[in-house]
PDB file of N, CA and C in Angstrom:
ATOM      1  N   MET A   1      14.908  21.195   8.193  1.00  0.00           N
ATOM      2  CA  MET A   1      13.716  20.710   7.925  1.00  0.00           C
ATOM      3  C   MET A   1      13.376  21.357   5.954  1.00  0.00           C
ATOM      4  N   VAL A   2      12.824  20.310   5.960  1.00  0.00           N
ATOM      5  CA  VAL A   2      12.709  20.397   4.513  1.00  0.00           C
ATOM      6  C   VAL A   2      11.309  20.577   4.282  1.00  0.00           C
ATOM      7  N   LYS A   3      10.427  21.275   3.286  1.00  0.00           N
ATOM      8  CA  LYS A   3       9.423  20.970   3.189  1.00  0.00           C
ATOM      9  C   LYS A   3       8.389  20.633   2.070  1.00  0.00           C
ATOM     10  N   ILE A   4       7.809  19.372   1.636  1.00  0.00           N
ATOM     11  CA  ILE A   4       7.559  19.075   0.295  1.00  0.00           C
ATOM     12  C   ILE A   4       6.324  19.285   0.628  1.00  0.00           C
ATOM     13  N   HIS A   5       5.739  19.797  -0.939  1.00  0.00           N
ATOM     14  CA  HIS A   5       3.934  19.510  -1.085  1.00  0.00           C
ATOM     15  C   HIS A   5       4.131  19.032  -2.032  1.00  0.00           C
ATOM     16  N   LEU A   6       2.859  17.711  -1.498  1.00  0.00           N
ATOM     17  CA  LEU A   6       2.581  16.516  -2.303  1.00  0.00           C
ATOM     18  C   LEU A   6       1.126  16.644  -2.734  1.00  0.00           C
ATOM     19  N   THR A   7       0.477  16.297  -3.561  1.00  0.00           N
ATOM     20  CA  THR A   7      -1.143  16.369  -3.899  1.00  0.00           C
ATOM     21  C   THR A   7      -1.299  15.151  -3.932  1.00  0.00           C
ATOM     22  N   LEU A   8      -1.916  14.357  -2.837  1.00  0.00           N
ATOM     23  CA  LEU A   8      -2.043  12.676  -2.591  1.00  0.00           C
ATOM     24  C   LEU A   8      -4.000  12.783  -2.508  1.00  0.00           C
ATOM     25  N   PHE A   9      -4.227  12.009  -3.631  1.00  0.00           N
ATOM     26  CA  PHE A   9      -5.644  11.800  -3.409  1.00  0.00           C
ATOM     27  C   PHE A   9      -5.815  10.076  -2.731  1.00  0.00           C
ATOM     28  N   GLY A  10      -6.342  11.002  -1.370  1.00  0.00           N
ATOM     29  CA  GLY A  10      -6.801   9.533  -0.503  1.00  0.00           C
ATOM     30  C   GLY A  10      -5.538   9.397   0.394  1.00  0.00           C
ATOM     31  N   GLN A  11      -5.615   8.202   1.224  1.00  0.00           N
ATOM     32  CA  GLN A  11      -4.901   7.614   2.434  1.00  0.00           C
ATOM     33  C   GLN A  11      -4.040   6.835   1.736  1.00  0.00           C
ATOM     34  N   MET A  12      -2.654   6.884   2.037  1.00  0.00           N
ATOM     35  CA  MET A  12      -1.742   6.203   1.396  1.00  0.00           C
ATOM     36  C   MET A  12      -1.313   4.930   2.624  1.00  0.00           C
ATOM     37  N   LEU A  13      -2.286   4.342   2.368  1.00  0.00           N
ATOM     38  CA  LEU A  13      -2.834   2.781   2.984  1.00  0.00           C
ATOM     39  C   LEU A  13      -2.431   1.781   2.478  1.00  0.00           C
ATOM     40  N   HIS A  14      -1.867   0.757   1.894  1.00  0.00           N
ATOM     41  CA  HIS A  14      -1.502  -0.622   1.415  1.00  0.00           C
ATOM     42  C   HIS A  14      -0.972  -1.431   2.332  1.00  0.00           C
ATOM     43  N   ALA A  15      -1.794  -3.095   2.037  1.00  0.00           N
ATOM     44  CA  ALA A  15      -1.443  -3.835   3.180  1.00  0.00           C
ATOM     45  C   ALA A  15      -0.970  -4.859   1.680  1.00  0.00           C
ATOM     46  N   LYS A  16       0.465  -5.216   1.821  1.00  0.00           N
ATOM     47  CA  LYS A  16       1.382  -6.214   0.999  1.00  0.00           C
ATOM     48  C   LYS A  16       0.887  -7.398   0.872  1.00  0.00           C
ATOM     49  N   GLN A  17       0.552  -8.044   2.058  1.00  0.00           N
ATOM     50  CA  GLN A  17      -0.681  -9.162   2.378  1.00  0.00           C
ATOM     51  C   GLN A  17      -0.693  -9.356   3.187  1.00  0.00           C
ATOM     52  N   ILE A  18      -1.866  -9.981   3.522  1.00  0.00           N
ATOM     53  CA  ILE A  18      -2.976 -10.242   4.096  1.00  0.00           C
ATOM     54  C   ILE A  18      -3.498 -12.161   4.167  1.00  0.00           C
ATOM     55  N   GLU A  19      -3.487 -12.138   5.518  1.00  0.00           N
ATOM     56  CA  GLU A  19      -3.786 -13.588   5.839  1.00  0.00           C
ATOM     57  C   GLU A  19      -4.791 -14.245   6.722  1.00  0.00           C
ATOM     58  N   PHE A  20      -5.565 -14.659   6.846  1.00  0.00           N
ATOM     59  CA  PHE A  20      -6.874 -15.450   7.371  1.00  0.00           C
ATOM     60  C   PHE A  20      -7.227 -16.454   7.294  1.00  0.00           C
ATOM     61  N   THR A  21      -7.838 -17.091   7.849  1.00  0.00           N
ATOM     62  CA  THR A  21      -8.902 -17.787   7.810  1.00  0.00           C
ATOM     63  C   THR A  21     -10.423 -17.869   7.694  1.00  0.00           C
ATOM     64  N   HIS A  22     -10.755 -18.582   6.711  1.00  0.00           N
ATOM     65  CA  HIS A  22     -12.127 -18.497   6.125  1.00  0.00           C
ATOM     66  C   HIS A  22     -13.139 -18.966   7.211  1.00  0.00           C
ATOM     67  N   PRO A  23     -14.021 -17.778   7.552  1.00  0.00           N
ATOM     68  CA  PRO A  23     -14.868 -18.429   8.557  1.00  0.00           C
ATOM     69  C   PRO A  23     -16.067 -19.467   8.795  1.00  0.00           C
ATOM     70  N   THR A  24     -15.804 -19.989   7.549  1.00  0.00           N
ATOM     71  CA  THR A  24     -17.051 -21.623   7.342  1.00  0.00           C
ATOM     72  C   THR A  24     -16.146 -22.397   6.614  1.00  0.00           C
ATOM     73  N   SER A  25     -15.243 -22.348   5.906  1.00  0.00           N
ATOM     74  CA  SER A  25     -14.519 -23.409   5.190  1.00  0.00           C
ATOM     75  C   SER A  25     -13.309 -23.672   6.020  1.00  0.00           C
ATOM     76  N   ASN A  26     -12.677 -22.849   6.887  1.00  0.00           N
ATOM     77  CA  ASN A  26     -11.100 -22.977   7.441  1.00  0.00           C
ATOM     78  C   ASN A  26     -10.160 -22.947   6.186  1.00  0.00           C
ATOM     79  N   GLU A  27     -10.882 -22.314   5.402  1.00  0.00           N
ATOM     80  CA  GLU A  27      -9.436 -22.457   4.628  1.00  0.00           C
ATOM     81  C   GLU A  27      -8.755 -21.576   4.952  1.00  0.00           C
ATOM     82  N   LYS A  28      -7.474 -21.624   4.967  1.00  0.00           N
ATOM     83  CA  LYS A  28      -6.450 -20.222   5.305  1.00  0.00           C
ATOM     84  C   LYS A  28      -6.058 -20.329   3.907  1.00  0.00           C
ATOM     85  N   ILE A  29      -6.463 -18.453   3.517  1.00  0.00           N
ATOM     86  CA  ILE A  29      -6.586 -17.763   2.467  1.00  0.00           C
ATOM     87  C   ILE A  29      -5.575 -16.597   2.880  1.00  0.00           C
ATOM     88  N   LYS A  30      -4.556 -16.747   1.537  1.00  0.00           N
ATOM     89  CA  LYS A  30      -3.571 -15.384   1.601  1.00  0.00           C
ATOM     90  C   LYS A  30      -3.592 -14.985   0.310  1.00  0.00           C
ATOM     91  N   ILE A  31      -3.847 -13.237   0.407  1.00  0.00           N
ATOM     92  CA  ILE A  31      -4.005 -12.356  -0.876  1.00  0.00           C
ATOM     93  C   ILE A  31      -2.386 -11.747  -0.624  1.00  0.00           C
ATOM     94  N   GLU A  32      -2.016 -11.526  -2.089  1.00  0.00           N
ATOM     95  CA  GLU A  32      -0.559 -10.809  -1.967  1.00  0.00           C
ATOM     96  C   GLU A  32      -0.751  -9.861  -2.985  1.00  0.00           C
ATOM     97  N   ALA A  33      -0.777  -8.702  -2.993  1.00  0.00           N
ATOM     98  CA  ALA A  33      -0.652  -7.414  -3.605  1.00  0.00           C
ATOM     99  C   ALA A  33       0.441  -6.455  -3.858  1.00  0.00           C
ATOM    100  N   PRO A  34       0.844  -6.209  -5.425  1.00  0.00           N
ATOM    101  CA  PRO A  34       2.416  -4.975  -5.161  1.00  0.00           C
ATOM    102  C   PRO A  34       1.507  -3.697  -5.267  1.00  0.00           C
ATOM    103  N   LEU A  35       2.304  -2.534  -4.810  1.00  0.00           N
ATOM    104  CA  LEU A  35       1.877  -1.375  -4.752  1.00  0.00           C
ATOM    105  C   LEU A  35       1.501  -1.245  -5.745  1.00  0.00           C
ATOM    106  N   PRO A  36       0.515  -0.340  -5.590  1.00  0.00           N
ATOM    107  CA  PRO A  36       0.384   0.393  -6.521  1.00  0.00           C
ATOM    108  C   PRO A  36       0.951   1.439  -7.670  1.00  0.00           C
ATOM    109  N   LYS A  37       0.752   1.696  -8.699  1.00  0.00           N
ATOM    110  CA  LYS A  37       1.644   2.379  -9.799  1.00  0.00           C
ATOM    111  C   LYS A  37       1.256   3.715  -8.542  1.00  0.00           C
ATOM    112  N   TYR A  38       0.656   4.524  -8.326  1.00  0.00           N
ATOM    113  CA  TYR A  38       0.247   5.527  -8.262  1.00  0.00           C
ATOM    114  C   TYR A  38       1.401   5.449  -6.883  1.00  0.00           C
ATOM    115  N   PHE A  39       1.190   5.073  -5.933  1.00  0.00           N
ATOM    116  CA  PHE A  39       1.962   4.666  -4.552  1.00  0.00           C
ATOM    117  C   PHE A  39       3.352   4.683  -4.903  1.00  0.00           C
ATOM    118  N   GLU A  40       4.023   4.212  -6.095  1.00  0.00           N
ATOM    119  CA  GLU A  40       5.444   4.087  -6.443  1.00  0.00           C
ATOM    120  C   GLU A  40       5.558   5.650  -7.067  1.00  0.00           C
ATOM    121  N   GLU A  41       5.097   6.233  -7.229  1.00  0.00           N
ATOM    122  CA  GLU A  41       5.486   7.148  -8.238  1.00  0.00           C
ATOM    123  C   GLU A  41       5.602   8.289  -7.403  1.00  0.00           C
ATOM    124  N   VAL A  42       4.571   8.212  -5.490  1.00  0.00           N
ATOM    125  CA  VAL A  42       4.681   9.284  -4.731  1.00  0.00           C
ATOM    126  C   VAL A  42       6.354   8.645  -4.031  1.00  0.00           C
ATOM    127  N   LEU A  43       6.241   7.728  -3.874  1.00  0.00           N
ATOM    128  CA  LEU A  43       7.494   7.209  -2.741  1.00  0.00           C
ATOM    129  C   LEU A  43       8.669   7.641  -3.436  1.00  0.00           C
ATOM    130  N   GLU A  44       8.953   7.394  -5.184  1.00  0.00           N
ATOM    131  CA  GLU A  44       9.770   8.101  -6.028  1.00  0.00           C
ATOM    132  C   GLU A  44      10.255   9.276  -5.858  1.00  0.00           C
ATOM    133  N   SER A  45       8.936  10.296  -5.854  1.00  0.00           N
ATOM    134  CA  SER A  45       8.979  11.713  -5.483  1.00  0.00           C
ATOM    135  C   SER A  45       9.837  12.329  -4.371  1.00  0.00           C
ATOM    136  N   LEU A  46       9.485  11.109  -3.136  1.00  0.00           N
ATOM    137  CA  LEU A  46       9.807  12.266  -1.815  1.00  0.00           C
ATOM    138  C   LEU A  46      11.377  11.392  -2.046  1.00  0.00           C
ATOM    139  N   GLU A  47      11.745  10.469  -2.371  1.00  0.00           N
ATOM    140  CA  GLU A  47      13.007   9.540  -2.706  1.00  0.00           C
ATOM    141  C   GLU A  47      14.115  10.971  -3.357  1.00  0.00           C
ATOM    142  N   ARG A  48      13.315  11.239  -4.372  1.00  0.00           N
ATOM    143  CA  ARG A  48      14.260  12.723  -4.762  1.00  0.00           C
ATOM    144  C   ARG A  48      14.091  13.832  -4.110  1.00  0.00           C
ATOM    145  N   LYS A  49      13.833  14.281  -2.969  1.00  0.00           N
ATOM    146  CA  LYS A  49      13.437  15.400  -2.251  1.00  0.00           C
ATOM    147  C   LYS A  49      14.689  15.047  -1.446  1.00  0.00           C
TER     148      LYS A  49
END
């Protein structure tokens, strides 16, 4: 078992993509977002361990 100590600022939650129908216009809305740089750095740190 390997213990890793990381200092995190908040929860590590991210939605790469979200899609929904607008409630009044019925338009389909699709939003995509890349991982924040901070998340990428944490993941890279974990991969090196």
